[in-house]
């Protein structure tokens, strides 16, 4: 597994200059494990539906992926409660994390 830098507040990790929301750290281990299991099942269903070229199954599988990611806190409503905006899927350089990220790049 690759390690990606995580923002100081623990809300995002960065891949190729883009922020991705981390899973909700307040989920219990059991909850997280179950949602990750559901996500993996859904991702396998997406692959299978794509191979079968089945548009209906593909839609259902992608909906299942979305539900699992929402349950994990990676999509939809944010899991933090301080009113901070969501920068999920945005370029890190266009967010308040830009200087933090640039500092990382200078160290590496």
PDB file of N, CA and C in Angstrom:
ATOM      1  N   UNK A   1       0.835  -1.179   0.000  1.00  0.00           N
ATOM      2  CA  UNK A   1       0.000   0.000   0.000  1.00  0.00           C
ATOM      3  C   UNK A   1       0.882   1.244   0.000  1.00  0.00           C
ATOM      4  N   UNK A   2       0.524   2.220  -0.817  1.00  0.00           N
ATOM      5  CA  UNK A   2       1.292   3.447  -0.894  1.00  0.00           C
ATOM      6  C   UNK A   2       0.861   4.391   0.217  1.00  0.00           C
ATOM      7  N   UNK A   3       1.814   5.171   0.706  1.00  0.00           N
ATOM      8  CA  UNK A   3       1.497   6.189   1.695  1.00  0.00           C
ATOM      9  C   UNK A   3       1.334   7.524   0.987  1.00  0.00           C
ATOM     10  N   UNK A   4       0.274   8.223   1.331  1.00  0.00           N
ATOM     11  CA  UNK A   4       0.006   9.541   0.763  1.00  0.00           C
ATOM     12  C   UNK A   4       0.014  10.552   1.894  1.00  0.00           C
ATOM     13  N   UNK A   5       0.452  11.773   1.621  1.00  0.00           N
ATOM     14  CA  UNK A   5       0.438  12.770   2.691  1.00  0.00           C
ATOM     15  C   UNK A   5      -0.994  13.087   3.124  1.00  0.00           C
ATOM     16  N   UNK A   6      -1.163  13.213   4.422  1.00  0.00           N
ATOM     17  CA  UNK A   6      -2.458  13.545   5.016  1.00  0.00           C
ATOM     18  C   UNK A   6      -2.363  14.953   5.567  1.00  0.00           C
ATOM     19  N   UNK A   7      -3.389  15.752   5.314  1.00  0.00           N
ATOM     20  CA  UNK A   7      -3.395  17.136   5.792  1.00  0.00           C
ATOM     21  C   UNK A   7      -3.265  17.163   7.313  1.00  0.00           C
ATOM     22  N   UNK A   8      -2.719  18.235   7.857  1.00  0.00           N
ATOM     23  CA  UNK A   8      -2.511  18.306   9.312  1.00  0.00           C
ATOM     24  C   UNK A   8      -3.778  18.086  10.136  1.00  0.00           C
ATOM     25  N   UNK A   9      -4.931  18.439   9.592  1.00  0.00           N
ATOM     26  CA  UNK A   9      -6.183  18.247  10.327  1.00  0.00           C
ATOM     27  C   UNK A   9      -6.770  16.855  10.135  1.00  0.00           C
ATOM     28  N   UNK A  10      -6.125  16.015   9.310  1.00  0.00           N
ATOM     29  CA  UNK A  10      -6.559  14.640   9.116  1.00  0.00           C
ATOM     30  C   UNK A  10      -7.794  14.470   8.246  1.00  0.00           C
ATOM     31  N   UNK A  11      -8.205  15.525   7.559  1.00  0.00           N
ATOM     32  CA  UNK A  11      -9.426  15.448   6.766  1.00  0.00           C
ATOM     33  C   UNK A  11      -9.212  14.906   5.355  1.00  0.00           C
ATOM     34  N   UNK A  12      -8.019  15.099   4.803  1.00  0.00           N
ATOM     35  CA  UNK A  12      -7.758  14.722   3.411  1.00  0.00           C
ATOM     36  C   UNK A  12      -6.402  14.050   3.281  1.00  0.00           C
ATOM     37  N   UNK A  13      -6.261  13.258   2.226  1.00  0.00           N
ATOM     38  CA  UNK A  13      -4.945  12.806   1.786  1.00  0.00           C
ATOM     39  C   UNK A  13      -4.782  13.327   0.366  1.00  0.00           C
ATOM     40  N   UNK A  14      -3.538  13.398  -0.098  1.00  0.00           N
ATOM     41  CA  UNK A  14      -3.245  14.007  -1.394  1.00  0.00           C
ATOM     42  C   UNK A  14      -2.670  12.964  -2.332  1.00  0.00           C
ATOM     43  N   UNK A  15      -3.286  12.886  -3.519  1.00  0.00           N
ATOM     44  CA  UNK A  15      -2.801  12.010  -4.584  1.00  0.00           C
ATOM     45  C   UNK A  15      -2.677  12.856  -5.841  1.00  0.00           C
ATOM     46  N   UNK A  16      -1.458  12.901  -6.404  1.00  0.00           N
ATOM     47  CA  UNK A  16      -1.187  13.665  -7.623  1.00  0.00           C
ATOM     48  C   UNK A  16      -1.748  15.085  -7.535  1.00  0.00           C
ATOM     49  N   UNK A  17      -1.548  15.737  -6.394  1.00  0.00           N
ATOM     50  CA  UNK A  17      -1.922  17.137  -6.234  1.00  0.00           C
ATOM     51  C   UNK A  17      -3.400  17.386  -5.977  1.00  0.00           C
ATOM     52  N   UNK A  18      -4.166  16.323  -5.743  1.00  0.00           N
ATOM     53  CA  UNK A  18      -5.615  16.462  -5.519  1.00  0.00           C
ATOM     54  C   UNK A  18      -5.969  15.947  -4.130  1.00  0.00           C
ATOM     55  N   UNK A  19      -6.867  16.677  -3.459  1.00  0.00           N
ATOM     56  CA  UNK A  19      -7.326  16.288  -2.133  1.00  0.00           C
ATOM     57  C   UNK A  19      -8.437  15.246  -2.230  1.00  0.00           C
ATOM     58  N   UNK A  20      -8.346  14.239  -1.388  1.00  0.00           N
ATOM     59  CA  UNK A  20      -9.379  13.208  -1.291  1.00  0.00           C
ATOM     60  C   UNK A  20      -9.754  13.082   0.181  1.00  0.00           C
ATOM     61  N   UNK A  21     -11.047  13.128   0.472  1.00  0.00           N
ATOM     62  CA  UNK A  21     -11.488  13.096   1.862  1.00  0.00           C
ATOM     63  C   UNK A  21     -11.186  11.738   2.500  1.00  0.00           C
ATOM     64  N   UNK A  22     -10.629  11.804   3.695  1.00  0.00           N
ATOM     65  CA  UNK A  22     -10.366  10.590   4.469  1.00  0.00           C
ATOM     66  C   UNK A  22     -11.673  10.048   5.041  1.00  0.00           C
ATOM     67  N   UNK A  23     -11.653   8.792   5.391  1.00  0.00           N
ATOM     68  CA  UNK A  23     -12.798   8.186   6.064  1.00  0.00           C
ATOM     69  C   UNK A  23     -12.992   8.833   7.428  1.00  0.00           C
ATOM     70  N   UNK A  24     -14.213   8.755   7.901  1.00  0.00           N
ATOM     71  CA  UNK A  24     -14.565   9.315   9.194  1.00  0.00           C
ATOM     72  C   UNK A  24     -13.803   8.581  10.302  1.00  0.00           C
ATOM     73  N   UNK A  25     -12.923   9.274  11.027  1.00  0.00           N
ATOM     74  CA  UNK A  25     -12.148   8.594  12.072  1.00  0.00           C
ATOM     75  C   UNK A  25     -12.989   8.260  13.304  1.00  0.00           C
ATOM     76  N   UNK A  26     -14.221   8.755  13.366  1.00  0.00           N
ATOM     77  CA  UNK A  26     -15.078   8.500  14.516  1.00  0.00           C
ATOM     78  C   UNK A  26     -15.912   7.222  14.365  1.00  0.00           C
ATOM     79  N   UNK A  27     -15.787   6.552  13.215  1.00  0.00           N
ATOM     80  CA  UNK A  27     -16.459   5.260  13.048  1.00  0.00           C
ATOM     81  C   UNK A  27     -15.765   4.227  13.924  1.00  0.00           C
ATOM     82  N   UNK A  28     -16.532   3.311  14.464  1.00  0.00           N
ATOM     83  CA  UNK A  28     -15.913   2.220  15.215  1.00  0.00           C
ATOM     84  C   UNK A  28     -15.171   1.316  14.230  1.00  0.00           C
ATOM     85  N   UNK A  29     -14.272   0.523  14.749  1.00  0.00           N
ATOM     86  CA  UNK A  29     -13.537  -0.410  13.885  1.00  0.00           C
ATOM     87  C   UNK A  29     -14.518  -1.339  13.172  1.00  0.00           C
ATOM     88  N   UNK A  30     -15.532  -1.791  13.891  1.00  0.00           N
ATOM     89  CA  UNK A  30     -16.525  -2.697  13.307  1.00  0.00           C
ATOM     90  C   UNK A  30     -17.293  -2.019  12.174  1.00  0.00           C
ATOM     91  N   UNK A  31     -17.708  -0.770  12.401  1.00  0.00           N
ATOM     92  CA  UNK A  31     -18.427  -0.034  11.360  1.00  0.00           C
ATOM     93  C   UNK A  31     -17.536   0.146  10.141  1.00  0.00           C
ATOM     94  N   UNK A  32     -16.323   0.611  10.372  1.00  0.00           N
ATOM     95  CA  UNK A  32     -15.402   0.847   9.259  1.00  0.00           C
ATOM     96  C   UNK A  32     -15.161  -0.442   8.480  1.00  0.00           C
ATOM     97  N   UNK A  33     -14.891  -1.522   9.183  1.00  0.00           N
ATOM     98  CA  UNK A  33     -14.645  -2.803   8.513  1.00  0.00           C
ATOM     99  C   UNK A  33     -15.837  -3.216   7.656  1.00  0.00           C
ATOM    100  N   UNK A  34     -17.044  -3.040   8.180  1.00  0.00           N
ATOM    101  CA  UNK A  34     -18.244  -3.422   7.435  1.00  0.00           C
ATOM    102  C   UNK A  34     -18.420  -2.546   6.189  1.00  0.00           C
ATOM    103  N   UNK A  35     -18.219  -1.248   6.328  1.00  0.00           N
ATOM    104  CA  UNK A  35     -18.380  -0.354   5.179  1.00  0.00           C
ATOM    105  C   UNK A  35     -17.307  -0.609   4.133  1.00  0.00           C
ATOM    106  N   UNK A  36     -16.093  -0.905   4.560  1.00  0.00           N
ATOM    107  CA  UNK A  36     -15.022  -1.236   3.613  1.00  0.00           C
ATOM    108  C   UNK A  36     -15.356  -2.546   2.905  1.00  0.00           C
ATOM    109  N   UNK A  37     -15.891  -3.520   3.628  1.00  0.00           N
ATOM    110  CA  UNK A  37     -16.301  -4.783   3.006  1.00  0.00           C
ATOM    111  C   UNK A  37     -17.361  -4.516   1.937  1.00  0.00           C
ATOM    112  N   UNK A  38     -18.356  -3.679   2.276  1.00  0.00           N
ATOM    113  CA  UNK A  38     -19.399  -3.339   1.311  1.00  0.00           C
ATOM    114  C   UNK A  38     -18.805  -2.635   0.088  1.00  0.00           C
ATOM    115  N   UNK A  39     -17.838  -1.760   0.320  1.00  0.00           N
ATOM    116  CA  UNK A  39     -17.189  -1.046  -0.779  1.00  0.00           C
ATOM    117  C   UNK A  39     -16.460  -2.009  -1.707  1.00  0.00           C
ATOM    118  N   UNK A  40     -15.741  -2.967  -1.145  1.00  0.00           N
ATOM    119  CA  UNK A  40     -15.004  -3.925  -1.975  1.00  0.00           C
ATOM    120  C   UNK A  40     -15.957  -4.802  -2.778  1.00  0.00           C
ATOM    121  N   UNK A  41     -17.057  -5.226  -2.171  1.00  0.00           N
ATOM    122  CA  UNK A  41     -18.065  -6.012  -2.895  1.00  0.00           C
ATOM    123  C   UNK A  41     -18.615  -5.187  -4.056  1.00  0.00           C
ATOM    124  N   UNK A  42     -18.926  -3.922  -3.783  1.00  0.00           N
ATOM    125  CA  UNK A  42     -19.485  -3.044  -4.822  1.00  0.00           C
ATOM    126  C   UNK A  42     -18.483  -2.795  -5.938  1.00  0.00           C
ATOM    127  N   UNK A  43     -17.216  -2.619  -5.605  1.00  0.00           N
ATOM    128  CA  UNK A  43     -16.207  -2.398  -6.645  1.00  0.00           C
ATOM    129  C   UNK A  43     -16.040  -3.629  -7.527  1.00  0.00           C
ATOM    130  N   UNK A  44     -16.110  -4.808  -6.920  1.00  0.00           N
ATOM    131  CA  UNK A  44     -16.042  -6.031  -7.730  1.00  0.00           C
ATOM    132  C   UNK A  44     -17.269  -6.127  -8.634  1.00  0.00           C
ATOM    133  N   UNK A  45     -18.421  -5.691  -8.143  1.00  0.00           N
ATOM    134  CA  UNK A  45     -19.645  -5.699  -8.958  1.00  0.00           C
ATOM    135  C   UNK A  45     -19.525  -4.722 -10.123  1.00  0.00           C
ATOM    136  N   UNK A  46     -18.871  -3.592  -9.903  1.00  0.00           N
ATOM    137  CA  UNK A  46     -18.644  -2.634 -10.994  1.00  0.00           C
ATOM    138  C   UNK A  46     -17.792  -3.294 -12.070  1.00  0.00           C
ATOM    139  N   UNK A  47     -16.704  -3.924 -11.656  1.00  0.00           N
ATOM    140  CA  UNK A  47     -15.820  -4.584 -12.627  1.00  0.00           C
ATOM    141  C   UNK A  47     -16.570  -5.658 -13.409  1.00  0.00           C
ATOM    142  N   UNK A  48     -17.339  -6.456 -12.705  1.00  0.00           N
ATOM    143  CA  UNK A  48     -18.098  -7.525 -13.355  1.00  0.00           C
ATOM    144  C   UNK A  48     -19.123  -6.970 -14.341  1.00  0.00           C
ATOM    145  N   UNK A  49     -19.833  -5.934 -13.936  1.00  0.00           N
ATOM    146  CA  UNK A  49     -20.845  -5.331 -14.818  1.00  0.00           C
ATOM    147  C   UNK A  49     -20.196  -4.709 -16.048  1.00  0.00           C
ATOM    148  N   UNK A  50     -19.029  -4.116 -15.868  1.00  0.00           N
ATOM    149  CA  UNK A  50     -18.331  -3.532 -17.018  1.00  0.00           C
ATOM    150  C   UNK A  50     -17.904  -4.626 -17.995  1.00  0.00           C
ATOM    151  N   UNK A  51     -17.384  -5.720 -17.459  1.00  0.00           N
ATOM    152  CA  UNK A  51     -16.963  -6.823 -18.321  1.00  0.00           C
ATOM    153  C   UNK A  51     -18.152  -7.421 -19.067  1.00  0.00           C
ATOM    154  N   UNK A  52     -19.300  -7.459 -18.398  1.00  0.00           N
ATOM    155  CA  UNK A  52     -20.508  -8.013 -19.019  1.00  0.00           C
ATOM    156  C   UNK A  52     -21.219  -6.990 -19.894  1.00  0.00           C
ATOM    157  N   UNK A  53     -20.743  -5.750 -19.850  1.00  0.00           N
ATOM    158  CA  UNK A  53     -21.362  -4.648 -20.590  1.00  0.00           C
ATOM    159  C   UNK A  53     -22.856  -4.548 -20.266  1.00  0.00           C
ATOM    160  N   UNK A  54     -23.154  -4.636 -18.965  1.00  0.00           N
ATOM    161  CA  UNK A  54     -24.527  -4.596 -18.470  1.00  0.00           C
ATOM    162  C   UNK A  54     -24.769  -3.240 -17.815  1.00  0.00           C
ATOM    163  N   UNK A  55     -25.428  -2.348 -18.529  1.00  0.00           N
ATOM    164  CA  UNK A  55     -25.613  -0.976 -18.064  1.00  0.00           C
ATOM    165  C   UNK A  55     -26.423  -0.895 -16.767  1.00  0.00           C
ATOM    166  N   UNK A  56     -27.443  -1.696 -16.631  1.00  0.00           N
ATOM    167  CA  UNK A  56     -28.275  -1.656 -15.423  1.00  0.00           C
ATOM    168  C   UNK A  56     -27.492  -2.134 -14.200  1.00  0.00           C
ATOM    169  N   UNK A  57     -26.787  -3.262 -14.357  1.00  0.00           N
ATOM    170  CA  UNK A  57     -25.953  -3.758 -13.246  1.00  0.00           C
ATOM    171  C   UNK A  57     -24.861  -2.766 -12.895  1.00  0.00           C
ATOM    172  N   UNK A  58     -24.302  -2.109 -13.909  1.00  0.00           N
ATOM    173  CA  UNK A  58     -23.251  -1.130 -13.673  1.00  0.00           C
ATOM    174  C   UNK A  58     -23.785   0.039 -12.852  1.00  0.00           C
ATOM    175  N   UNK A  59     -24.960   0.537 -13.209  1.00  0.00           N
ATOM    176  CA  UNK A  59     -25.564   1.632 -12.443  1.00  0.00           C
ATOM    177  C   UNK A  59     -25.800   1.210 -11.000  1.00  0.00           C
ATOM    178  N   UNK A  60     -26.350   0.021 -10.803  1.00  0.00           N
ATOM    179  CA  UNK A  60     -26.615  -0.480  -9.450  1.00  0.00           C
ATOM    180  C   UNK A  60     -25.322  -0.638  -8.655  1.00  0.00           C
ATOM    181  N   UNK A  61     -24.284  -1.139  -9.302  1.00  0.00           N
ATOM    182  CA  UNK A  61     -23.000  -1.335  -8.629  1.00  0.00           C
ATOM    183  C   UNK A  61     -22.365   0.008  -8.270  1.00  0.00           C
ATOM    184  N   UNK A  62     -22.427   0.959  -9.178  1.00  0.00           N
ATOM    185  CA  UNK A  62     -21.873   2.288  -8.878  1.00  0.00           C
ATOM    186  C   UNK A  62     -22.662   2.966  -7.765  1.00  0.00           C
ATOM    187  N   UNK A  63     -23.957   2.755  -7.726  1.00  0.00           N
ATOM    188  CA  UNK A  63     -24.764   3.289  -6.621  1.00  0.00           C
ATOM    189  C   UNK A  63     -24.338   2.665  -5.292  1.00  0.00           C
ATOM    190  N   UNK A  64     -24.012   1.372  -5.318  1.00  0.00           N
ATOM    191  CA  UNK A  64     -23.551   0.687  -4.108  1.00  0.00           C
ATOM    192  C   UNK A  64     -22.198   1.230  -3.653  1.00  0.00           C
ATOM    193  N   UNK A  65     -21.309   1.531  -4.601  1.00  0.00           N
ATOM    194  CA  UNK A  65     -20.023   2.148  -4.268  1.00  0.00           C
ATOM    195  C   UNK A  65     -20.279   3.495  -3.600  1.00  0.00           C
ATOM    196  N   UNK A  66     -21.168   4.278  -4.174  1.00  0.00           N
ATOM    197  CA  UNK A  66     -21.474   5.596  -3.622  1.00  0.00           C
ATOM    198  C   UNK A  66     -22.034   5.480  -2.200  1.00  0.00           C
ATOM    199  N   UNK A  67     -22.945   4.539  -1.978  1.00  0.00           N
ATOM    200  CA  UNK A  67     -23.508   4.351  -0.633  1.00  0.00           C
ATOM    201  C   UNK A  67     -22.418   3.987   0.380  1.00  0.00           C
ATOM    202  N   UNK A  68     -21.509   3.107  -0.005  1.00  0.00           N
ATOM    203  CA  UNK A  68     -20.434   2.706   0.903  1.00  0.00           C
ATOM    204  C   UNK A  68     -19.500   3.873   1.194  1.00  0.00           C
ATOM    205  N   UNK A  69     -19.167   4.647   0.172  1.00  0.00           N
ATOM    206  CA  UNK A  69     -18.286   5.797   0.380  1.00  0.00           C
ATOM    207  C   UNK A  69     -18.965   6.863   1.243  1.00  0.00           C
ATOM    208  N   UNK A  70     -20.268   7.039   1.056  1.00  0.00           N
ATOM    209  CA  UNK A  70     -21.013   7.962   1.922  1.00  0.00           C
ATOM    210  C   UNK A  70     -20.975   7.475   3.360  1.00  0.00           C
ATOM    211  N   UNK A  71     -21.186   6.181   3.570  1.00  0.00           N
ATOM    212  CA  UNK A  71     -21.180   5.609   4.923  1.00  0.00           C
ATOM    213  C   UNK A  71     -19.815   5.776   5.580  1.00  0.00           C
ATOM    214  N   UNK A  72     -18.753   5.678   4.786  1.00  0.00           N
ATOM    215  CA  UNK A  72     -17.399   5.864   5.308  1.00  0.00           C
ATOM    216  C   UNK A  72     -17.079   7.330   5.582  1.00  0.00           C
ATOM    217  N   UNK A  73     -17.899   8.233   5.068  1.00  0.00           N
ATOM    218  CA  UNK A  73     -17.653   9.663   5.257  1.00  0.00           C
ATOM    219  C   UNK A  73     -16.789  10.273   4.179  1.00  0.00           C
ATOM    220  N   UNK A  74     -16.508   9.530   3.119  1.00  0.00           N
ATOM    221  CA  UNK A  74     -15.634  10.018   2.052  1.00  0.00           C
ATOM    222  C   UNK A  74     -16.377  10.851   1.019  1.00  0.00           C
ATOM    223  N   UNK A  75     -17.699  10.797   1.039  1.00  0.00           N
ATOM    224  CA  UNK A  75     -18.533  11.575   0.120  1.00  0.00           C
ATOM    225  C   UNK A  75     -19.731  12.121   0.884  1.00  0.00           C
ATOM    226  N   UNK A  76     -20.469  13.005   0.231  1.00  0.00           N
ATOM    227  CA  UNK A  76     -21.690  13.593   0.769  1.00  0.00           C
ATOM    228  C   UNK A  76     -21.352  14.475   1.961  1.00  0.00           C
ATOM    229  N   UNK A  77     -22.106  14.389   3.026  1.00  0.00           N
ATOM    230  CA  UNK A  77     -21.911  15.275   4.179  1.00  0.00           C
ATOM    231  C   UNK A  77     -20.563  15.030   4.831  1.00  0.00           C
ATOM    232  N   UNK A  78     -19.926  16.111   5.234  1.00  0.00           N
ATOM    233  CA  UNK A  78     -18.623  15.994   5.904  1.00  0.00           C
ATOM    234  C   UNK A  78     -18.812  15.414   7.299  1.00  0.00           C
ATOM    235  N   UNK A  79     -17.773  14.810   7.822  1.00  0.00           N
ATOM    236  CA  UNK A  79     -17.849  14.201   9.142  1.00  0.00           C
ATOM    237  C   UNK A  79     -17.376  15.144  10.250  1.00  0.00           C
ATOM    238  N   UNK A  80     -16.839  16.285   9.906  1.00  0.00           N
ATOM    239  CA  UNK A  80     -16.422  17.243  10.934  1.00  0.00           C
ATOM    240  C   UNK A  80     -17.563  18.222  11.193  1.00  0.00           C
ATOM    241  N   UNK A  81     -17.506  18.884  12.332  1.00  0.00           N
ATOM    242  CA  UNK A  81     -18.637  19.718  12.743  1.00  0.00           C
ATOM    243  C   UNK A  81     -18.273  21.170  13.011  1.00  0.00           C
ATOM    244  N   UNK A  82     -17.097  21.609  12.560  1.00  0.00           N
ATOM    245  CA  UNK A  82     -16.685  22.985  12.840  1.00  0.00           C
ATOM    246  C   UNK A  82     -17.082  23.976  11.742  1.00  0.00           C
ATOM    247  N   UNK A  83     -17.843  23.508  10.759  1.00  0.00           N
ATOM    248  CA  UNK A  83     -18.311  24.390   9.697  1.00  0.00           C
ATOM    249  C   UNK A  83     -17.320  24.632   8.572  1.00  0.00           C
ATOM    250  N   UNK A  84     -16.151  24.004   8.629  1.00  0.00           N
ATOM    251  CA  UNK A  84     -15.144  24.174   7.575  1.00  0.00           C
ATOM    252  C   UNK A  84     -15.681  23.611   6.263  1.00  0.00           C
ATOM    253  N   UNK A  85     -15.385  24.290   5.148  1.00  0.00           N
ATOM    254  CA  UNK A  85     -15.865  23.805   3.849  1.00  0.00           C
ATOM    255  C   UNK A  85     -15.182  22.509   3.434  1.00  0.00           C
ATOM    256  N   UNK A  86     -15.790  21.859   2.455  1.00  0.00           N
ATOM    257  CA  UNK A  86     -15.259  20.612   1.930  1.00  0.00           C
ATOM    258  C   UNK A  86     -14.453  20.899   0.667  1.00  0.00           C
ATOM    259  N   UNK A  87     -13.219  20.428   0.640  1.00  0.00           N
ATOM    260  CA  UNK A  87     -12.357  20.602  -0.529  1.00  0.00           C
ATOM    261  C   UNK A  87     -12.101  19.275  -1.239  1.00  0.00           C
ATOM    262  N   UNK A  88     -12.961  18.289  -1.014  1.00  0.00           N
ATOM    263  CA  UNK A  88     -12.787  16.978  -1.625  1.00  0.00           C
ATOM    264  C   UNK A  88     -12.675  17.091  -3.146  1.00  0.00           C
ATOM    265  N   UNK A  89     -11.697  16.384  -3.691  1.00  0.00           N
ATOM    266  CA  UNK A  89     -11.433  16.275  -5.127  1.00  0.00           C
ATOM    267  C   UNK A  89     -10.906  17.566  -5.763  1.00  0.00           C
ATOM    268  N   UNK A  90     -10.534  18.517  -4.974  1.00  0.00           N
ATOM    269  CA  UNK A  90     -10.006  19.776  -5.523  1.00  0.00           C
ATOM    270  C   UNK A  90      -8.484  19.757  -5.545  1.00  0.00           C
ATOM    271  N   UNK A  91      -7.934  20.565  -6.431  1.00  0.00           N
ATOM    272  CA  UNK A  91      -6.490  20.720  -6.480  1.00  0.00           C
ATOM    273  C   UNK A  91      -6.026  21.335  -5.163  1.00  0.00           C
ATOM    274  N   UNK A  92      -5.053  20.705  -4.536  1.00  0.00           N
ATOM    275  CA  UNK A  92      -4.570  21.193  -3.244  1.00  0.00           C
ATOM    276  C   UNK A  92      -4.053  22.627  -3.367  1.00  0.00           C
ATOM    277  N   UNK A  93      -3.555  22.991  -4.520  1.00  0.00           N
ATOM    278  CA  UNK A  93      -2.993  24.333  -4.712  1.00  0.00           C
ATOM    279  C   UNK A  93      -4.050  25.438  -4.694  1.00  0.00           C
ATOM    280  N   UNK A  94      -5.319  25.051  -4.835  1.00  0.00           N
ATOM    281  CA  UNK A  94      -6.401  26.038  -4.853  1.00  0.00           C
ATOM    282  C   UNK A  94      -7.194  26.009  -3.547  1.00  0.00           C
ATOM    283  N   UNK A  95      -6.550  25.548  -2.481  1.00  0.00           N
ATOM    284  CA  UNK A  95      -7.211  25.433  -1.186  1.00  0.00           C
ATOM    285  C   UNK A  95      -6.317  26.033  -0.097  1.00  0.00           C
ATOM    286  N   UNK A  96      -6.828  26.158   1.107  1.00  0.00           N
ATOM    287  CA  UNK A  96      -5.987  26.644   2.215  1.00  0.00           C
ATOM    288  C   UNK A  96      -4.834  25.713   2.566  1.00  0.00           C
ATOM    289  N   UNK A  97      -4.803  24.521   2.000  1.00  0.00           N
ATOM    290  CA  UNK A  97      -3.722  23.572   2.259  1.00  0.00           C
ATOM    291  C   UNK A  97      -2.526  23.780   1.324  1.00  0.00           C
ATOM    292  N   UNK A  98      -2.588  24.749   0.449  1.00  0.00           N
ATOM    293  CA  UNK A  98      -1.553  24.946  -0.574  1.00  0.00           C
ATOM    294  C   UNK A  98      -0.161  25.140   0.030  1.00  0.00           C
ATOM    295  N   UNK A  99      -0.023  26.009   1.016  1.00  0.00           N
ATOM    296  CA  UNK A  99       1.310  26.274   1.572  1.00  0.00           C
ATOM    297  C   UNK A  99       1.833  25.052   2.329  1.00  0.00           C
ATOM    298  N   UNK A 100       0.954  24.338   3.026  1.00  0.00           N
ATOM    299  CA  UNK A 100       1.364  23.102   3.693  1.00  0.00           C
ATOM    300  C   UNK A 100       1.912  22.115   2.660  1.00  0.00           C
ATOM    301  N   UNK A 101       1.192  21.943   1.562  1.00  0.00           N
ATOM    302  CA  UNK A 101       1.600  20.987   0.533  1.00  0.00           C
ATOM    303  C   UNK A 101       2.907  21.414  -0.127  1.00  0.00           C
ATOM    304  N   UNK A 102       3.037  22.676  -0.403  1.00  0.00           N
ATOM    305  CA  UNK A 102       4.278  23.166  -1.017  1.00  0.00           C
ATOM    306  C   UNK A 102       5.461  22.916  -0.088  1.00  0.00           C
ATOM    307  N   UNK A 103       5.245  23.077   1.192  1.00  0.00           N
ATOM    308  CA  UNK A 103       6.297  22.778   2.170  1.00  0.00           C
ATOM    309  C   UNK A 103       6.718  21.320   2.142  1.00  0.00           C
ATOM    310  N   UNK A 104       5.771  20.428   1.932  1.00  0.00           N
ATOM    311  CA  UNK A 104       6.090  19.005   1.813  1.00  0.00           C
ATOM    312  C   UNK A 104       6.948  18.737   0.595  1.00  0.00           C
ATOM    313  N   UNK A 105       6.586  19.358  -0.498  1.00  0.00           N
ATOM    314  CA  UNK A 105       7.305  19.148  -1.749  1.00  0.00           C
ATOM    315  C   UNK A 105       8.746  19.619  -1.641  1.00  0.00           C
ATOM    316  N   UNK A 106       8.997  20.666  -0.875  1.00  0.00           N
ATOM    317  CA  UNK A 106      10.353  21.185  -0.719  1.00  0.00           C
ATOM    318  C   UNK A 106      11.200  20.265   0.135  1.00  0.00           C
ATOM    319  N   UNK A 107      10.582  19.574   1.083  1.00  0.00           N
ATOM    320  CA  UNK A 107      11.304  18.646   1.963  1.00  0.00           C
ATOM    321  C   UNK A 107      11.674  17.385   1.203  1.00  0.00           C
ATOM    322  N   UNK A 108      10.783  16.905   0.342  1.00  0.00           N
ATOM    323  CA  UNK A 108      11.033  15.639  -0.377  1.00  0.00           C
ATOM    324  C   UNK A 108      11.858  15.881  -1.548  1.00  0.00           C
TER     325      UNK A 108
END
